[in-house]
Structure formats: structure tokens, C-alpha cells
Protein backbone atom coordinates (compact mmCIF):
# COMPACT_ATOMS: atom_id res chain seq x y z
CA MET A 1 -0.04 0.05 -0.15
CA THR A 2 1.58 3.50 -0.85
CA SER A 3 1.34 6.60 1.55
CA LEU A 4 -1.00 8.04 -0.54
CA GLU A 5 -3.76 4.99 -0.13
CA ALA A 6 -3.24 4.84 3.34
CA LEU A 7 -3.67 8.94 3.76
CA THR A 8 -6.69 8.65 1.25
CA MET A 9 -7.91 5.63 3.80
CA PHE A 10 -7.63 8.00 6.97
CA LEU A 11 -9.09 10.70 5.47
CA TRP A 12 -12.23 8.26 4.27
CA SER A 13 -12.44 6.60 7.85
CA CYS A 14 -12.63 10.10 9.60
CA ALA A 15 -14.99 12.19 7.05
CA HIS A 16 -17.56 9.01 6.84
CA SER A 17 -16.93 7.33 10.31
CA GLU A 18 -16.69 4.04 8.69
CA THR A 19 -16.27 0.95 10.40
CA ASN A 20 -13.23 -1.54 10.17
CA ARG A 21 -14.99 -3.59 7.84
CA ASN A 22 -16.47 -1.38 5.57
CA ILE A 23 -13.15 0.06 4.52
CA GLN A 24 -12.04 -3.20 4.14
CA ASN A 25 -14.42 -3.60 1.35
CA LYS A 26 -13.85 -0.10 -0.26
CA PHE A 27 -10.45 -0.45 -0.24
CA GLY A 28 -9.67 -4.35 -0.91
CA LYS A 29 -7.33 -4.58 2.18
CA SER A 30 -7.64 -6.79 5.17
CA GLY A 31 -8.71 -5.93 8.44
CA GLU A 32 -5.21 -6.03 10.02
CA THR A 33 -4.07 -3.49 7.04
CA VAL A 34 -7.00 -1.23 7.55
CA SER A 35 -6.27 -0.79 11.57
CA ARG A 36 -2.43 -0.29 10.80
CA LYS A 37 -2.29 1.76 8.35
CA PHE A 38 -5.17 3.72 10.01
CA SER A 39 -2.66 4.05 13.13
CA GLU A 40 0.31 4.78 11.26
CA VAL A 41 -1.39 8.04 9.43
CA LEU A 42 -3.21 9.08 12.91
CA GLU A 43 0.26 9.48 14.41
CA SER A 44 1.48 11.52 11.22
CA VAL A 45 -1.15 13.81 11.37
CA CYS A 46 -0.82 14.58 15.21
CA LEU A 47 3.04 15.40 14.42
CA LEU A 48 1.42 17.98 11.85
CA ALA A 49 -0.95 19.21 14.49
CA LYS A 50 2.26 20.41 16.35
CA GLU A 51 2.93 22.66 13.63
CA ILE A 52 0.20 24.14 12.22
CA VAL A 53 -2.64 24.01 15.48
CA LYS A 54 -0.98 27.04 16.78
CA PRO A 55 -1.23 31.28 16.57
CA PRO A 56 0.91 32.54 13.52
CA ASP A 57 2.20 35.00 15.97
CA PHE A 58 2.50 33.94 19.67
CA ASN A 59 3.00 37.80 20.47
CA PHE A 60 -0.27 38.35 18.49
CA GLU A 61 1.28 41.69 17.47
CA GLU A 62 -0.99 42.03 14.18
CA ILE A 63 -4.52 43.45 15.11
CA PRO A 64 -6.92 40.82 12.97
CA SER A 65 -8.53 42.19 9.98
CA LYS A 66 -11.86 40.93 10.85
CA ILE A 67 -11.99 43.36 13.82
CA ARG A 68 -9.61 46.40 12.15
CA ASP A 69 -11.98 46.63 8.84
CA ASP A 70 -15.19 46.23 10.71
CA ASN A 71 -16.94 49.32 12.30
CA ARG A 72 -19.22 46.90 14.58
CA TYR A 73 -15.71 46.32 16.53
CA TRP A 74 -13.23 48.88 15.62
CA PRO A 75 -11.47 50.25 17.72
CA HIS A 76 -13.71 49.11 21.00
CA PHE A 77 -12.20 45.05 20.69
CA GLN A 78 -8.79 46.09 19.40
CA GLY A 79 -7.35 43.81 22.41
CA CYS A 80 -9.04 40.45 20.98
CA ILE A 81 -6.98 37.47 19.68
CA GLY A 82 -9.31 35.10 19.34
CA ALA A 83 -12.15 32.73 21.05
CA ILE A 84 -12.53 30.41 23.34
CA ASP A 85 -15.02 27.10 23.70
CA GLY A 86 -15.69 23.85 24.89
CA THR A 87 -17.35 21.46 22.72
CA HIS A 88 -18.44 17.58 23.32
CA ILE A 89 -17.63 14.76 21.37
CA PRO A 90 -18.64 11.46 21.89
CA ALA A 91 -16.71 9.09 23.80
CA ILE A 92 -16.80 5.35 24.18
CA VAL A 93 -15.31 4.32 27.66
CA PRO A 94 -15.34 1.17 29.46
CA THR A 95 -18.27 0.72 31.38
CA LYS A 96 -16.48 1.76 35.04
CA ASP A 97 -16.00 5.13 33.95
CA GLN A 98 -18.93 5.84 32.25
CA ILE A 99 -20.60 8.24 35.06
CA ARG A 100 -17.55 10.52 35.10
CA TYR A 101 -17.75 10.75 31.32
CA ILE A 102 -21.81 11.07 30.90
CA GLY A 103 -22.41 14.81 30.57
CA ARG A 104 -26.00 16.83 30.23
CA LYS A 105 -26.86 14.64 27.15
CA GLY A 106 -27.08 11.26 28.57
CA PHE A 107 -24.31 9.68 26.86
CA PRO A 108 -20.76 9.50 27.37
CA THR A 109 -18.99 12.54 25.98
CA GLN A 110 -15.11 14.21 25.82
CA ASN A 111 -15.03 18.08 26.66
CA VAL A 112 -13.00 19.40 24.40
CA MET A 113 -11.67 23.12 24.58
CA LEU A 114 -10.70 24.83 21.25
CA VAL A 115 -9.17 27.96 20.89
CA CYS A 116 -9.54 29.48 17.15
CA ASN A 117 -8.55 32.88 15.48
CA PHE A 118 -10.42 35.18 12.87
CA ASP A 119 -9.18 32.89 10.15
CA MET A 120 -11.35 30.28 11.45
CA LEU A 121 -8.24 28.19 12.28
CA PHE A 122 -7.89 26.14 15.47
CA THR A 123 -4.56 27.83 17.52
CA PHE A 124 -5.00 25.30 20.72
CA VAL A 125 -6.88 21.95 21.30
CA VAL A 126 -7.38 20.31 25.05
CA VAL A 127 -8.54 16.99 24.96
CA GLY A 128 -9.24 14.21 27.39
CA TRP A 129 -11.43 15.71 30.16
CA PRO A 130 -14.67 14.15 30.86
CA GLY A 131 -18.15 14.87 29.86
CA THR A 132 -18.64 16.35 32.93
CA ALA A 133 -16.12 18.71 33.40
CA HIS A 134 -16.84 22.16 33.66
CA ASP A 135 -15.51 24.80 30.60
CA THR A 136 -14.02 26.81 33.69
CA ARG A 137 -12.35 24.04 35.24
CA ILE A 138 -10.47 23.01 31.78
CA LEU A 139 -9.72 26.76 30.76
CA SER A 140 -8.14 26.77 34.74
CA SER A 141 -6.19 23.75 34.18
CA THR A 142 -4.88 24.64 31.28
CA ILE A 143 -3.64 28.00 32.26
CA GLU A 144 -1.89 26.77 35.03
CA GLU A 145 -0.58 23.26 33.66
CA MET A 146 0.03 24.13 29.87
CA LYS A 147 1.54 27.20 30.85
CA ASN A 148 4.30 26.59 28.32
CA VAL A 149 2.52 26.03 25.31
CA PHE A 150 -0.92 27.29 25.77
CA PRO A 151 -0.93 30.72 24.05
CA HIS A 152 -1.41 33.06 26.45
CA PRO A 153 -2.74 36.46 25.80
CA PRO A 154 -0.23 39.33 26.29
CA GLU A 155 -0.77 42.09 28.27
CA GLY A 156 -3.52 44.29 26.80
CA LYS A 157 -4.94 41.46 24.89
CA TYR A 158 -8.01 39.01 25.49
CA TYR A 159 -10.02 36.28 24.28
CA VAL A 160 -13.29 36.36 24.01
CA VAL A 161 -15.48 33.81 25.79
CA ASP A 162 -19.12 33.23 26.73
CA ALA A 163 -20.95 33.22 29.87
CA GLY A 164 -19.72 29.67 31.24
CA TYR A 165 -16.36 31.46 31.70
CA PRO A 166 -15.64 34.15 34.49
CA ASN A 167 -14.70 37.62 33.21
CA MET A 168 -10.88 37.49 34.35
CA LYS A 169 -7.92 39.20 33.01
CA GLY A 170 -7.01 37.91 29.69
CA TYR A 171 -10.72 36.60 28.66
CA LEU A 172 -13.61 38.98 28.09
CA SER A 173 -17.21 37.29 28.91
CA PRO A 174 -20.52 38.95 28.34
CA TYR A 175 -22.86 40.23 30.83
CA LYS A 176 -24.70 37.63 32.66
CA GLY A 177 -28.47 38.17 33.10
CA GLU A 178 -29.05 39.70 29.92
CA ARG A 179 -29.53 38.63 26.21
CA TYR A 180 -26.56 37.62 24.85
CA HIS A 181 -26.79 34.98 21.50
CA ILE A 182 -27.81 36.73 18.27
CA PRO A 183 -30.61 34.17 17.92
CA ASP A 184 -32.51 35.71 20.98
CA PHE A 185 -32.24 39.21 19.54
CA ARG A 186 -33.66 38.19 16.34
CA ALA A 187 -36.61 36.77 18.38
CA GLY A 188 -36.88 39.67 21.11
CA GLY A 189 -35.92 42.96 18.98
CA GLN A 190 -33.00 45.33 19.03
CA ALA A 191 -30.36 45.23 21.92
CA GLU A 192 -31.41 47.53 24.36
CA GLY A 193 -29.18 49.17 26.93
CA ILE A 194 -25.73 49.40 27.69
CA GLN A 195 -24.96 45.80 28.96
CA GLU A 196 -27.36 44.18 26.03
CA VAL A 197 -25.83 46.20 23.34
CA PHE A 198 -22.28 45.06 24.71
CA ASN A 199 -23.13 41.42 24.75
CA HIS A 200 -25.03 41.85 21.12
CA GLU A 201 -21.32 42.78 19.63
CA HIS A 202 -19.76 40.51 21.91
CA SER A 203 -21.73 37.61 20.42
CA SER A 204 -21.39 38.42 16.83
CA LEU A 205 -17.51 38.62 17.45
CA ARG A 206 -17.33 35.13 19.49
CA ASN A 207 -19.36 33.48 16.89
CA VAL A 208 -16.09 32.78 14.84
CA ILE A 209 -15.61 29.97 17.16
CA GLU A 210 -19.07 28.32 17.09
CA ARG A 211 -18.80 28.77 12.95
CA THR A 212 -15.27 27.02 13.05
CA ILE A 213 -16.59 23.98 15.60
CA GLY A 214 -19.35 24.11 12.68
CA VAL A 215 -16.78 23.28 9.78
CA TRP A 216 -14.77 21.09 11.66
CA LYS A 217 -17.82 18.52 12.93
CA LYS A 218 -19.79 19.10 9.41
CA LYS A 219 -16.52 18.01 7.72
CA TRP A 220 -15.45 15.19 9.92
CA HIS A 221 -18.14 12.70 10.97
CA ILE A 222 -16.58 10.69 13.28
CA LEU A 223 -16.29 13.47 15.43
CA CYS A 224 -20.28 13.02 16.18
CA ASP A 225 -19.68 9.27 15.37
CA MET A 226 -16.74 7.94 17.53
CA ARG A 227 -15.45 4.53 16.74
CA PRO A 228 -14.85 2.08 19.55
CA PHE A 229 -10.94 3.05 19.59
CA PRO A 230 -9.24 3.26 22.70
CA LEU A 231 -9.83 6.54 24.51
CA ILE A 232 -6.06 7.46 23.86
CA LYS A 233 -6.69 6.70 20.46
CA GLN A 234 -10.41 8.54 20.03
CA GLN A 235 -8.37 11.78 21.81
CA LYS A 236 -5.73 11.60 18.85
CA ILE A 237 -8.19 11.64 16.22
CA ILE A 238 -9.79 14.92 17.67
CA VAL A 239 -6.41 16.36 17.80
CA ALA A 240 -5.32 14.94 14.08
CA THR A 241 -9.06 16.51 12.58
CA THR A 242 -8.18 19.93 14.12
CA ALA A 243 -4.80 19.80 12.12
CA LEU A 244 -6.52 18.44 8.74
CA HIS A 245 -9.05 21.54 9.23
CA ASN A 246 -6.17 23.93 9.56
CA PHE A 247 -4.41 22.36 6.46
CA ILE A 248 -7.53 22.69 3.95
CA ARG A 249 -8.44 26.38 5.01
CA ILE A 250 -4.05 27.46 5.06
CA CYS A 251 -3.91 25.84 1.66
CA GLY A 252 -6.74 27.94 0.43
CA PHE A 253 -9.05 25.37 -1.67
CA VAL A 254 -12.13 25.58 -2.67
CA ASP A 255 -14.19 24.13 0.12
CA GLU A 256 -17.74 23.97 0.29
CA ALA A 257 -18.28 23.53 4.17
CA PHE A 258 -15.84 26.82 4.83
CA ASN A 259 -17.88 28.98 2.23
CA LYS A 260 -21.04 27.92 4.11
CA TYR A 261 -19.91 28.97 7.52
CA ASP A 262 -17.61 31.90 6.69
CA ASN A 263 -19.96 34.37 7.31
CA ILE A 264 -23.12 32.90 9.04
CA SER A 265 -24.51 35.73 11.14
CA GLY A 266 -25.52 33.72 14.40
CA TYR A 267 -24.68 30.11 13.61
CA MET A 268 -24.84 28.05 17.25
CA THR A 269 -23.53 24.65 17.22
CA GLY A 270 -25.67 23.74 19.92
CA ASN A 271 -22.81 22.93 22.50
CA ILE A 272 -24.61 25.40 24.95
CA GLU A 273 -27.00 22.98 25.60
CA GLU A 274 -24.10 20.66 26.61
CA ARG A 275 -22.65 22.81 29.21
CA ASN A 276 -22.52 21.56 32.89
CA ILE A 277 -23.43 25.39 33.75
CA HIS A 278 -24.87 24.03 37.20
CA GLU A 279 -21.44 22.33 38.43
CA ASP A 280 -20.03 24.13 41.62
CA LEU A 281 -16.87 25.62 40.68
CA GLY A 282 -15.00 25.48 44.26
CA SER A 283 -11.39 26.61 44.00
CA TYR A 284 -11.50 26.34 40.29
CA ASN A 285 -11.67 30.45 39.61
CA PRO A 286 -8.18 31.14 41.10
CA ARG A 287 -7.50 34.39 39.52
CA ARG A 288 -10.73 36.15 39.87
CA VAL A 289 -9.66 37.84 43.05
CA GLN A 290 -5.81 38.45 42.05
CA ASP A 291 -7.50 40.45 38.62
CA GLY A 292 -9.00 42.88 40.95
CA GLY A 293 -11.79 43.71 38.58
CA TYR A 294 -9.51 44.38 35.76
CA MET A 295 -11.47 42.81 33.27
CA ASP A 296 -14.66 43.89 34.58
CA LYS A 297 -13.05 47.51 33.62
CA VAL A 298 -12.38 46.43 30.51
CA ARG A 299 -15.85 45.51 29.53
CA ASN A 300 -17.39 48.32 30.91
CA GLN A 301 -15.47 50.85 29.18
CA ILE A 302 -15.96 48.85 25.75
CA ALA A 303 -19.83 48.58 26.51
CA ILE A 304 -19.58 52.71 27.19
CA GLU A 305 -17.80 53.26 23.50
CA LEU A 306 -20.47 50.83 22.03
CA ILE A 307 -23.41 52.72 23.27
CA GLU A 308 -22.05 56.38 22.84
CA ASN A 309 -20.96 55.33 19.07
CA ARG A 310 -24.88 54.12 18.38
CA ASN A 311 -26.27 57.50 20.19
CA HIS A 312 -23.85 59.25 18.28
CA LEU A 313 -24.99 56.92 14.83
CA SER A 314 -28.90 57.84 15.41
CA LEU A 315 -28.50 61.17 15.88
């Protein structure tokens, strides 16, 4: 079997979530060959992930054109460098471990944390957390335990995150208790008041992570119908597909999925329903007190600028 054949078989398996038997029939190979070549290509693509699932510039010196060229965001969100969100991927786990992995949807999942930029490229991925893990717990652990590899926001920069995360230095969340998601505003009318106006623009900007996850899951069906591999291989598949996602985007191929999701306003993956928002975080918010309200001041300042700009335009 040539390398090209092995890669084609791997891509087909991930794109269609095919069983070993179906791949045998389609490619005319033995079950042992299918399994071995899948593993070999998987390891290679995971190595590729180390090279392309990362920010183009760890200093984040260049302001994204998405922000710079859009009056809705410029100059208010000029410090934003990307978005973070968690999403759930079905997991096949031993019976003894299922309780830890069964989330709010009633079946075992991994809670995967993803970071993306405004080009819809993944810049970091965290796998291995069970479905019961809270998004904030995963982010806090990542910041502390993976600090040498995680693309931390430099001083004055931040990621946009949703209400499942705290508003802490380097991570800008919306005002809680107010309308937030774009479909909410479509159903209930124009944003009113300083906090709703901020939430509307914040949601519109943060929507890039929803759209990026949407493309990723649509293209690689194995993410929605995971095969019964060992758990470590399931985790590697998740990482590998983020690399494939980035490779397609970077190479500039004309791609139907990217074209569809590139500019959909208000797209939602549905992962809001998957969050364990009622979990007691305990000590998993260590930075909040240390921040001294820094990010609250940033959020309030942006909100004031947005409402002033809106009032000016309405004159």
C-alpha cells in the first residue's frame, strides 16, 4: 500500500466514520492492514498538528483584519486575539468510567476546549477531559498546567469567551443575566441598554468559534459518531482532525463547508446545551480575586464606547 492510499483510507474513515469492515470492502484490504495503516497515518497527522495548530504569531502583534476592518468592532475590541469555547465529542469508554463521562445529554462525551483565531483556524486544543468537567475547570487547569505551551494573551490582549467562563484578565465574557446570543435578539428585538448592546457585539464577534466548530464537525463525521477505539486513540483523532481542518484552510482550497460557515451570522453549534453550567467550581476560579476587577473595567469601557457610538450614529 502506498502512502497516498493509506492517507486516502484514513481521510475516508474520518470523514464518514466508517467501520473497519466497510473500509476493508471499499479499499480491498485486510482488517489488520486497515487498522495498522490508520494508526500510522494518525500518528503522522498528530505530528502535523504540532506544526499548524498554533497561532501564527505568539506575540499577537497584528490586529486581526476581522476587527480592524469592521466598524462594529473597531476600535472597541482591538485587544481581541481570538475565541475560546468547549464542545462535546462522543466518547467510547469502559463501563467503569462512564459516570465521569456522561454529561447533560445522557451519553459519554469528552469535553474538548478549542481556541481559534478570526481566520477560523484552531490555535490550540485540549482533549482528555470527561463530559462532566466544567469549561472553567478545563481553562483554569490549562492556564496553570500547560502554561509553557498555551498561547496566553499578552498584556492588553484577550480572548472572547461566553458566559460559561468568568470575566478574568485575558478572557472577556459577556454580562450575565442579559440577552446574549444573536438568535435571542432576532426573536426579541433590538438590543437595549448598555449591557445588551455590549452582549450583542460580543456575541457577534465570538461567533467565529461557533462557526469554526461547525465546519470542523460537519467535515469530519467521526467527531459525531466516534468508533470504539481505545480512549487515547479517540483523543488523537480529535487532535488530528483539527490539523486537517487547519491544513484545508491554510492551503486555500475552495471548500464548500468553509464557504457555507464563513460568514453565517448567529450560527450556533448547540453546545450551549451541553455545558455543565450548574457545577460547583469550588477553587477552580483562582485568578478572579487576583484580577481586582481588571476585566470588568475593560468590559465596562467597551460597553460605554459602544453605546456612545450607537447614540452618535442615531443622531
